[in-house]
C-alpha atoms as a PDB file:
ATOM      1  CA  MET A   1      -4.158   1.245   7.175  1.00  0.00           C
ATOM      2  CA  SER A   2      -5.295   3.859   9.666  1.00  0.00           C
ATOM      3  CA  ALA A   3      -5.248   7.582   8.915  1.00  0.00           C
ATOM      4  CA  THR A   4      -2.273   7.999  11.253  1.00  0.00           C
ATOM      5  CA  GLU A   5      -0.314   5.234   9.535  1.00  0.00           C
ATOM      6  CA  LYS A   6      -1.063   6.781   6.166  1.00  0.00           C
ATOM      7  CA  ARG A   7       0.145  10.204   7.378  1.00  0.00           C
ATOM      8  CA  ILE A   8       3.361   8.636   8.678  1.00  0.00           C
ATOM      9  CA  THR A   9       3.974   6.795   5.410  1.00  0.00           C
ATOM     10  CA  VAL A  10       3.309   9.834   3.229  1.00  0.00           C
ATOM     11  CA  ALA A  11       5.516  12.027   5.415  1.00  0.00           C
ATOM     12  CA  ALA A  12       8.392   9.531   5.316  1.00  0.00           C
ATOM     13  CA  ILE A  13       8.232   9.211   1.554  1.00  0.00           C
ATOM     14  CA  ARG A  14       8.137  12.992   1.181  1.00  0.00           C
ATOM     15  CA  LEU A  15      11.165  13.447   3.457  1.00  0.00           C
ATOM     16  CA  PHE A  16      13.199  10.738   1.745  1.00  0.00           C
ATOM     17  CA  ALA A  17      12.376  12.217  -1.670  1.00  0.00           C
ATOM     18  CA  GLU A  18      13.218  15.783  -0.643  1.00  0.00           C
ATOM     19  CA  ARG A  19      16.385  15.100   1.309  1.00  0.00           C
ATOM     20  CA  ASP A  20      17.624  11.941  -0.350  1.00  0.00           C
ATOM     21  CA  LYS A  21      19.382  10.745   2.768  1.00  0.00           C
ATOM     22  CA  PRO A  22      18.713   7.708   4.921  1.00  0.00           C
ATOM     23  CA  ASP A  23      19.741   9.244   8.242  1.00  0.00           C
ATOM     24  CA  LEU A  24      16.572  11.160   9.033  1.00  0.00           C
ATOM     25  CA  THR A  25      15.730  11.162  12.703  1.00  0.00           C
ATOM     26  CA  MET A  26      12.547   9.795  14.179  1.00  0.00           C
ATOM     27  CA  SER A  27      11.860  13.325  15.444  1.00  0.00           C
ATOM     28  CA  GLU A  28      12.020  14.679  11.898  1.00  0.00           C
ATOM     29  CA  ARG A  29       9.686  11.968  10.679  1.00  0.00           C
ATOM     30  CA  ALA A  30       7.247  12.502  13.528  1.00  0.00           C
ATOM     31  CA  SER A  31       7.257  16.253  13.002  1.00  0.00           C
ATOM     32  CA  GLU A  32       6.606  15.898   9.271  1.00  0.00           C
ATOM     33  CA  ALA A  33       3.719  13.497   9.939  1.00  0.00           C
ATOM     34  CA  GLN A  34       2.410  15.713  12.748  1.00  0.00           C
ATOM     35  CA  VAL A  35       2.398  12.889  15.279  1.00  0.00           C
ATOM     36  CA  ALA A  36       4.182  12.365  18.567  1.00  0.00           C
ATOM     37  CA  ARG A  37       7.403  10.369  18.457  1.00  0.00           C
ATOM     38  CA  SER A  38       5.803   7.780  20.721  1.00  0.00           C
ATOM     39  CA  THR A  39       3.027   7.335  18.146  1.00  0.00           C
ATOM     40  CA  LEU A  40       5.605   6.844  15.430  1.00  0.00           C
ATOM     41  CA  TYR A  41       7.393   4.171  17.468  1.00  0.00           C
ATOM     42  CA  GLN A  42       4.063   2.418  18.127  1.00  0.00           C
ATOM     43  CA  LYS A  43       3.026   2.410  14.481  1.00  0.00           C
ATOM     44  CA  VAL A  44       6.326   1.692  12.717  1.00  0.00           C
ATOM     45  CA  ASP A  45       8.395  -1.415  13.352  1.00  0.00           C
ATOM     46  CA  SER A  46      11.125  -0.538  10.865  1.00  0.00           C
ATOM     47  CA  ILE A  47      12.093   1.959   8.195  1.00  0.00           C
ATOM     48  CA  GLU A  48      11.514  -0.711   5.568  1.00  0.00           C
ATOM     49  CA  GLN A  49       7.931  -0.971   6.745  1.00  0.00           C
ATOM     50  CA  LEU A  50       7.363   2.635   5.660  1.00  0.00           C
ATOM     51  CA  PHE A  51       7.990   1.616   2.080  1.00  0.00           C
ATOM     52  CA  THR A  52       5.713  -1.419   2.121  1.00  0.00           C
ATOM     53  CA  PRO A  53       2.480  -0.134   3.692  1.00  0.00           C
ATOM     54  CA  TRP A  54       0.407  -2.747   1.883  1.00  0.00           C
ATOM     55  CA  SER A  55       2.145  -5.503   3.841  1.00  0.00           C
ATOM     56  CA  ARG A  56       0.918  -4.236   7.214  1.00  0.00           C
ATOM     57  CA  THR A  57      -2.029  -5.826   8.902  1.00  0.00           C
END
């Protein structure tokens, strides 16, 4: 897992834990991870993927 992917995963988990709602926007996730939205779309195929980082190759 790259440093960027790790930042995205940690940010998503933090947001889900703090807000406890599934309807977070990609902009909110990107902002929390301090990456561009385009980077987020390139690195994340699905929301489920954020919760299974060990399954990525």
